[in-house]
Amino acid sequence: MKGTQTPSQLASALQASSGRISTVLSSLEKKGWVTRDIDPKDRRIIRVNLTDSGREQSHRMIEEMRSAICWIFSQMGERRTREFVDLVSEFTTYMSICHPGQPRPTAEQVREAFVERGKRVAEHMAAKRAEN
């Protein structure tokens, strides 16, 4: 979610009720992390914006999460971390083709998904090598 959002867009993106979003926004407003502004072109629309303070807090929280994840991986060790990452990658590949209420993917669809995954990994690795 980038840029200005309306409360209803936030509710939809977060799969939350508009009442819950309103409560959260009120709390964030009190902390000075967001503003709610009336759209000058359509006064029925309220725009939600991060403040500079909210942006800083967001960056701090992301850095704290990154630090925690790095610590966890250091505790797990390189071998187990690689196994974990490989398993998560495999799981997300299956999730990308297995949709609720639809027939399960065929063996061919599974093969195609993993071929695509392999291509994306190879492209990513080539880009990383080019950076260095």
N, C-alpha and C. Protein backbone atom coordinates (compact mmCIF):
# COMPACT_ATOMS: atom_id res chain seq x y z
N MET A 1 0.85 -1.18 0.00
CA MET A 1 0.00 0.00 0.00
C MET A 1 0.89 1.24 0.00
N LYS A 2 0.96 1.87 -1.12
CA LYS A 2 1.77 3.07 -1.25
C LYS A 2 0.86 4.26 -1.46
N GLY A 3 1.33 5.42 -1.03
CA GLY A 3 0.60 6.65 -1.28
C GLY A 3 -0.61 6.82 -0.39
N THR A 4 -1.38 7.83 -0.73
CA THR A 4 -2.58 8.16 0.01
C THR A 4 -3.63 7.08 -0.17
N GLN A 5 -4.28 6.69 0.91
CA GLN A 5 -5.34 5.69 0.88
C GLN A 5 -6.57 6.24 1.57
N THR A 6 -7.73 5.77 1.15
CA THR A 6 -8.95 6.10 1.88
C THR A 6 -9.15 5.01 2.93
N PRO A 7 -9.91 5.31 3.98
CA PRO A 7 -10.18 4.27 4.99
C PRO A 7 -10.80 3.01 4.38
N SER A 8 -11.70 3.17 3.40
CA SER A 8 -12.31 1.98 2.80
C SER A 8 -11.29 1.18 1.99
N GLN A 9 -10.31 1.85 1.35
CA GLN A 9 -9.24 1.13 0.64
C GLN A 9 -8.37 0.36 1.64
N LEU A 10 -8.09 1.00 2.78
CA LEU A 10 -7.30 0.32 3.81
C LEU A 10 -8.05 -0.90 4.35
N ALA A 11 -9.36 -0.73 4.60
CA ALA A 11 -10.17 -1.84 5.12
C ALA A 11 -10.15 -3.00 4.13
N SER A 12 -10.30 -2.69 2.86
CA SER A 12 -10.30 -3.74 1.84
C SER A 12 -8.93 -4.42 1.75
N ALA A 13 -7.87 -3.63 1.70
CA ALA A 13 -6.52 -4.19 1.58
C ALA A 13 -6.15 -5.05 2.78
N LEU A 14 -6.60 -4.65 3.96
CA LEU A 14 -6.26 -5.36 5.19
C LEU A 14 -7.32 -6.38 5.59
N GLN A 15 -8.36 -6.49 4.80
CA GLN A 15 -9.48 -7.40 5.08
C GLN A 15 -10.00 -7.20 6.50
N ALA A 16 -10.26 -5.95 6.82
CA ALA A 16 -10.76 -5.58 8.15
C ALA A 16 -12.03 -4.75 7.97
N SER A 17 -12.80 -4.66 9.04
CA SER A 17 -14.02 -3.85 8.98
C SER A 17 -13.66 -2.37 8.99
N SER A 18 -14.54 -1.55 8.45
CA SER A 18 -14.28 -0.11 8.44
C SER A 18 -14.26 0.44 9.86
N GLY A 19 -15.04 -0.17 10.77
CA GLY A 19 -15.02 0.26 12.18
C GLY A 19 -13.66 0.01 12.82
N ARG A 20 -13.08 -1.14 12.54
CA ARG A 20 -11.76 -1.47 13.08
C ARG A 20 -10.71 -0.52 12.52
N ILE A 21 -10.79 -0.24 11.23
CA ILE A 21 -9.84 0.69 10.59
C ILE A 21 -9.97 2.07 11.23
N SER A 22 -11.18 2.51 11.47
CA SER A 22 -11.41 3.82 12.09
C SER A 22 -10.76 3.89 13.47
N THR A 23 -10.91 2.82 14.25
CA THR A 23 -10.31 2.76 15.59
C THR A 23 -8.78 2.83 15.51
N VAL A 24 -8.22 2.06 14.60
CA VAL A 24 -6.76 2.05 14.43
C VAL A 24 -6.28 3.42 13.96
N LEU A 25 -6.98 4.02 12.99
CA LEU A 25 -6.57 5.33 12.49
C LEU A 25 -6.62 6.39 13.60
N SER A 26 -7.64 6.33 14.44
CA SER A 26 -7.73 7.28 15.55
C SER A 26 -6.51 7.16 16.46
N SER A 27 -6.12 5.94 16.76
CA SER A 27 -4.94 5.70 17.59
C SER A 27 -3.68 6.23 16.92
N LEU A 28 -3.54 5.97 15.63
CA LEU A 28 -2.35 6.42 14.90
C LEU A 28 -2.32 7.95 14.78
N GLU A 29 -3.50 8.54 14.64
CA GLU A 29 -3.60 10.00 14.59
C GLU A 29 -3.14 10.63 15.90
N LYS A 30 -3.58 10.05 17.02
CA LYS A 30 -3.20 10.56 18.34
C LYS A 30 -1.69 10.51 18.53
N LYS A 31 -1.05 9.50 17.94
CA LYS A 31 0.41 9.37 18.04
C LYS A 31 1.13 10.29 17.05
N GLY A 32 0.36 10.90 16.13
CA GLY A 32 0.95 11.80 15.15
C GLY A 32 1.57 11.07 13.96
N TRP A 33 1.15 9.83 13.73
CA TRP A 33 1.75 9.04 12.66
C TRP A 33 0.98 9.12 11.35
N VAL A 34 -0.30 9.48 11.41
CA VAL A 34 -1.10 9.65 10.19
C VAL A 34 -1.96 10.89 10.31
N THR A 35 -2.41 11.36 9.15
CA THR A 35 -3.42 12.42 9.11
C THR A 35 -4.57 11.92 8.26
N ARG A 36 -5.75 12.43 8.56
CA ARG A 36 -6.92 12.16 7.73
C ARG A 36 -7.34 13.51 7.16
N ASP A 37 -7.35 13.61 5.85
CA ASP A 37 -7.65 14.88 5.18
C ASP A 37 -8.81 14.69 4.21
N ILE A 38 -9.68 15.69 4.15
CA ILE A 38 -10.79 15.66 3.21
C ILE A 38 -10.25 15.95 1.82
N ASP A 39 -10.67 15.13 0.85
CA ASP A 39 -10.26 15.32 -0.54
C ASP A 39 -10.88 16.61 -1.06
N PRO A 40 -10.06 17.56 -1.54
CA PRO A 40 -10.63 18.83 -2.00
C PRO A 40 -11.53 18.70 -3.22
N LYS A 41 -11.35 17.64 -4.00
CA LYS A 41 -12.16 17.43 -5.21
C LYS A 41 -13.49 16.74 -4.89
N ASP A 42 -13.52 15.99 -3.80
CA ASP A 42 -14.75 15.27 -3.41
C ASP A 42 -14.77 15.18 -1.89
N ARG A 43 -15.53 16.05 -1.26
CA ARG A 43 -15.53 16.16 0.19
C ARG A 43 -16.05 14.90 0.89
N ARG A 44 -16.61 13.96 0.15
CA ARG A 44 -17.06 12.71 0.75
C ARG A 44 -15.89 11.76 1.01
N ILE A 45 -14.77 12.04 0.37
CA ILE A 45 -13.61 11.14 0.46
C ILE A 45 -12.61 11.66 1.50
N ILE A 46 -12.19 10.78 2.38
CA ILE A 46 -11.16 11.09 3.38
C ILE A 46 -9.88 10.38 2.95
N ARG A 47 -8.79 11.12 2.86
CA ARG A 47 -7.48 10.56 2.49
C ARG A 47 -6.64 10.37 3.75
N VAL A 48 -5.99 9.22 3.83
CA VAL A 48 -5.12 8.91 4.97
C VAL A 48 -3.68 8.99 4.49
N ASN A 49 -2.87 9.77 5.19
CA ASN A 49 -1.47 9.96 4.82
C ASN A 49 -0.56 9.70 6.01
N LEU A 50 0.60 9.10 5.74
CA LEU A 50 1.63 8.98 6.77
C LEU A 50 2.27 10.34 6.98
N THR A 51 2.52 10.68 8.23
CA THR A 51 3.29 11.89 8.53
C THR A 51 4.77 11.53 8.48
N ASP A 52 5.64 12.54 8.55
CA ASP A 52 7.08 12.27 8.62
C ASP A 52 7.39 11.39 9.82
N SER A 53 6.73 11.68 10.94
CA SER A 53 6.92 10.88 12.16
C SER A 53 6.45 9.44 11.93
N GLY A 54 5.33 9.27 11.24
CA GLY A 54 4.82 7.94 10.94
C GLY A 54 5.76 7.17 10.02
N ARG A 55 6.32 7.88 9.06
CA ARG A 55 7.27 7.26 8.14
C ARG A 55 8.53 6.81 8.90
N GLU A 56 9.02 7.67 9.80
CA GLU A 56 10.19 7.32 10.62
C GLU A 56 9.89 6.11 11.49
N GLN A 57 8.72 6.09 12.11
CA GLN A 57 8.34 4.97 12.97
C GLN A 57 8.25 3.69 12.15
N SER A 58 7.68 3.79 10.97
CA SER A 58 7.58 2.64 10.08
C SER A 58 8.97 2.09 9.75
N HIS A 59 9.89 2.98 9.41
CA HIS A 59 11.26 2.55 9.11
C HIS A 59 11.93 1.92 10.33
N ARG A 60 11.69 2.49 11.51
CA ARG A 60 12.25 1.91 12.74
C ARG A 60 11.71 0.50 12.97
N MET A 61 10.41 0.33 12.80
CA MET A 61 9.79 -0.97 13.03
C MET A 61 10.30 -2.01 12.02
N ILE A 62 10.46 -1.60 10.78
CA ILE A 62 11.00 -2.50 9.76
C ILE A 62 12.43 -2.90 10.12
N GLU A 63 13.22 -1.94 10.56
CA GLU A 63 14.61 -2.24 10.94
C GLU A 63 14.65 -3.16 12.16
N GLU A 64 13.77 -2.95 13.13
CA GLU A 64 13.71 -3.83 14.29
C GLU A 64 13.33 -5.25 13.88
N MET A 65 12.37 -5.39 12.96
CA MET A 65 11.97 -6.71 12.48
C MET A 65 13.12 -7.36 11.73
N ARG A 66 13.80 -6.60 10.88
CA ARG A 66 14.94 -7.15 10.14
C ARG A 66 16.01 -7.64 11.09
N SER A 67 16.28 -6.86 12.12
CA SER A 67 17.28 -7.23 13.12
C SER A 67 16.88 -8.51 13.86
N ALA A 68 15.60 -8.61 14.21
CA ALA A 68 15.11 -9.81 14.90
C ALA A 68 15.25 -11.04 14.01
N ILE A 69 14.90 -10.89 12.74
CA ILE A 69 15.00 -12.02 11.81
C ILE A 69 16.46 -12.44 11.63
N CYS A 70 17.36 -11.46 11.50
CA CYS A 70 18.79 -11.79 11.38
C CYS A 70 19.28 -12.53 12.62
N TRP A 71 18.84 -12.10 13.80
CA TRP A 71 19.24 -12.78 15.03
C TRP A 71 18.74 -14.22 15.04
N ILE A 72 17.46 -14.40 14.66
CA ILE A 72 16.88 -15.74 14.64
C ILE A 72 17.68 -16.63 13.70
N PHE A 73 17.97 -16.12 12.50
CA PHE A 73 18.74 -16.92 11.54
C PHE A 73 20.14 -17.22 12.07
N SER A 74 20.74 -16.30 12.80
CA SER A 74 22.07 -16.57 13.36
C SER A 74 21.99 -17.69 14.41
N GLN A 75 20.88 -17.77 15.12
CA GLN A 75 20.69 -18.84 16.09
C GLN A 75 20.46 -20.18 15.41
N MET A 76 19.77 -20.14 14.27
CA MET A 76 19.46 -21.37 13.54
C MET A 76 20.67 -21.93 12.80
N GLY A 77 21.59 -21.06 12.43
CA GLY A 77 22.75 -21.50 11.66
C GLY A 77 22.45 -21.48 10.16
N GLU A 78 23.53 -21.47 9.38
CA GLU A 78 23.38 -21.32 7.94
C GLU A 78 22.62 -22.47 7.29
N ARG A 79 22.95 -23.72 7.64
CA ARG A 79 22.30 -24.87 7.01
C ARG A 79 20.80 -24.87 7.26
N ARG A 80 20.40 -24.69 8.51
CA ARG A 80 18.97 -24.72 8.84
C ARG A 80 18.24 -23.51 8.27
N THR A 81 18.92 -22.37 8.22
CA THR A 81 18.31 -21.18 7.63
C THR A 81 18.05 -21.41 6.15
N ARG A 82 19.03 -21.97 5.44
CA ARG A 82 18.84 -22.27 4.01
C ARG A 82 17.69 -23.27 3.81
N GLU A 83 17.62 -24.29 4.68
CA GLU A 83 16.52 -25.26 4.60
C GLU A 83 15.17 -24.56 4.79
N PHE A 84 15.12 -23.67 5.80
CA PHE A 84 13.89 -22.92 6.07
C PHE A 84 13.48 -22.08 4.86
N VAL A 85 14.43 -21.34 4.30
CA VAL A 85 14.14 -20.49 3.15
C VAL A 85 13.68 -21.34 1.97
N ASP A 86 14.34 -22.46 1.74
CA ASP A 86 13.93 -23.35 0.64
C ASP A 86 12.50 -23.88 0.86
N LEU A 87 12.18 -24.27 2.10
CA LEU A 87 10.84 -24.78 2.39
C LEU A 87 9.78 -23.69 2.22
N VAL A 88 10.08 -22.49 2.68
CA VAL A 88 9.12 -21.38 2.53
C VAL A 88 8.92 -21.08 1.05
N SER A 89 9.99 -21.10 0.28
CA SER A 89 9.89 -20.86 -1.16
C SER A 89 9.04 -21.93 -1.83
N GLU A 90 9.26 -23.17 -1.46
CA GLU A 90 8.46 -24.27 -2.02
C GLU A 90 6.99 -24.10 -1.63
N PHE A 91 6.74 -23.81 -0.36
CA PHE A 91 5.38 -23.63 0.13
C PHE A 91 4.68 -22.50 -0.63
N THR A 92 5.35 -21.36 -0.80
CA THR A 92 4.71 -20.23 -1.49
C THR A 92 4.47 -20.53 -2.96
N THR A 93 5.32 -21.35 -3.56
CA THR A 93 5.09 -21.76 -4.95
C THR A 93 3.80 -22.57 -5.04
N TYR A 94 3.64 -23.54 -4.14
CA TYR A 94 2.39 -24.31 -4.11
C TYR A 94 1.19 -23.39 -3.84
N MET A 95 1.33 -22.47 -2.88
CA MET A 95 0.22 -21.56 -2.55
C MET A 95 -0.16 -20.67 -3.73
N SER A 96 0.81 -20.34 -4.56
CA SER A 96 0.54 -19.45 -5.70
C SER A 96 -0.35 -20.11 -6.75
N ILE A 97 -0.45 -21.44 -6.74
CA ILE A 97 -1.26 -22.13 -7.74
C ILE A 97 -2.43 -22.90 -7.13
N CYS A 98 -2.54 -22.92 -5.83
CA CYS A 98 -3.61 -23.67 -5.15
C CYS A 98 -4.58 -22.67 -4.55
N HIS A 99 -5.73 -22.51 -5.18
CA HIS A 99 -6.68 -21.48 -4.77
C HIS A 99 -7.93 -22.10 -4.15
N PRO A 100 -8.41 -21.53 -3.04
CA PRO A 100 -9.63 -22.05 -2.39
C PRO A 100 -10.81 -22.08 -3.36
N GLY A 101 -11.55 -23.16 -3.30
CA GLY A 101 -12.74 -23.29 -4.13
C GLY A 101 -12.47 -23.69 -5.56
N GLN A 102 -11.20 -23.90 -5.91
CA GLN A 102 -10.87 -24.31 -7.27
C GLN A 102 -10.24 -25.70 -7.24
N PRO A 103 -10.28 -26.40 -8.37
CA PRO A 103 -9.66 -27.74 -8.41
C PRO A 103 -8.17 -27.64 -8.11
N ARG A 104 -7.64 -28.67 -7.53
CA ARG A 104 -6.21 -28.70 -7.22
C ARG A 104 -5.42 -28.70 -8.52
N PRO A 105 -4.23 -28.07 -8.51
CA PRO A 105 -3.41 -28.00 -9.72
C PRO A 105 -3.02 -29.40 -10.22
N THR A 106 -2.88 -29.48 -11.52
CA THR A 106 -2.42 -30.73 -12.13
C THR A 106 -0.91 -30.84 -11.95
N ALA A 107 -0.39 -32.03 -12.21
CA ALA A 107 1.07 -32.24 -12.13
C ALA A 107 1.79 -31.30 -13.09
N GLU A 108 1.20 -31.06 -14.26
CA GLU A 108 1.81 -30.16 -15.24
C GLU A 108 1.84 -28.72 -14.71
N GLN A 109 0.76 -28.26 -14.09
CA GLN A 109 0.73 -26.91 -13.53
C GLN A 109 1.76 -26.77 -12.41
N VAL A 110 1.94 -27.81 -11.61
CA VAL A 110 2.95 -27.79 -10.55
C VAL A 110 4.33 -27.67 -11.17
N ARG A 111 4.61 -28.50 -12.19
CA ARG A 111 5.92 -28.43 -12.88
C ARG A 111 6.17 -27.04 -13.43
N GLU A 112 5.16 -26.46 -14.09
CA GLU A 112 5.29 -25.11 -14.68
C GLU A 112 5.59 -24.07 -13.60
N ALA A 113 4.90 -24.17 -12.47
CA ALA A 113 5.11 -23.21 -11.38
C ALA A 113 6.55 -23.29 -10.87
N PHE A 114 7.07 -24.51 -10.75
CA PHE A 114 8.44 -24.65 -10.25
C PHE A 114 9.47 -24.25 -11.29
N VAL A 115 9.16 -24.42 -12.58
CA VAL A 115 10.05 -23.93 -13.64
C VAL A 115 10.11 -22.40 -13.56
N GLU A 116 8.95 -21.76 -13.43
CA GLU A 116 8.90 -20.29 -13.30
C GLU A 116 9.67 -19.82 -12.06
N ARG A 117 9.49 -20.54 -10.97
CA ARG A 117 10.21 -20.22 -9.73
C ARG A 117 11.71 -20.30 -9.99
N GLY A 118 12.16 -21.34 -10.67
CA GLY A 118 13.58 -21.50 -10.99
C GLY A 118 14.10 -20.35 -11.83
N LYS A 119 13.29 -19.90 -12.80
CA LYS A 119 13.69 -18.77 -13.65
C LYS A 119 13.84 -17.50 -12.82
N ARG A 120 12.87 -17.27 -11.93
CA ARG A 120 12.93 -16.06 -11.09
C ARG A 120 14.15 -16.09 -10.19
N VAL A 121 14.46 -17.24 -9.62
CA VAL A 121 15.64 -17.38 -8.76
C VAL A 121 16.90 -17.11 -9.57
N ALA A 122 16.98 -17.69 -10.77
CA ALA A 122 18.16 -17.49 -11.62
C ALA A 122 18.32 -16.02 -12.00
N GLU A 123 17.21 -15.34 -12.34
CA GLU A 123 17.27 -13.92 -12.67
C GLU A 123 17.74 -13.10 -11.48
N HIS A 124 17.22 -13.44 -10.31
CA HIS A 124 17.61 -12.73 -9.09
C HIS A 124 19.10 -12.91 -8.81
N MET A 125 19.57 -14.14 -8.94
CA MET A 125 20.99 -14.42 -8.68
C MET A 125 21.88 -13.72 -9.70
N ALA A 126 21.46 -13.67 -10.97
CA ALA A 126 22.24 -12.97 -11.99
C ALA A 126 22.29 -11.47 -11.70
N ALA A 127 21.18 -10.92 -11.25
CA ALA A 127 21.15 -9.50 -10.90
C ALA A 127 22.07 -9.22 -9.72
N LYS A 128 22.07 -10.12 -8.74
CA LYS A 128 22.95 -9.95 -7.56
C LYS A 128 24.41 -10.00 -7.99
N ARG A 129 24.76 -10.94 -8.88
CA ARG A 129 26.15 -11.05 -9.36
C ARG A 129 26.55 -9.78 -10.12
N ALA A 130 25.62 -9.24 -10.90
CA ALA A 130 25.90 -8.02 -11.68
C ALA A 130 26.15 -6.82 -10.76
N GLU A 131 25.46 -6.80 -9.61
CA GLU A 131 25.67 -5.71 -8.63
C GLU A 131 27.06 -5.73 -8.07
N ASN A 132 27.61 -6.92 -7.87
CA ASN A 132 28.94 -7.08 -7.25
C ASN A 132 29.98 -7.03 -8.29
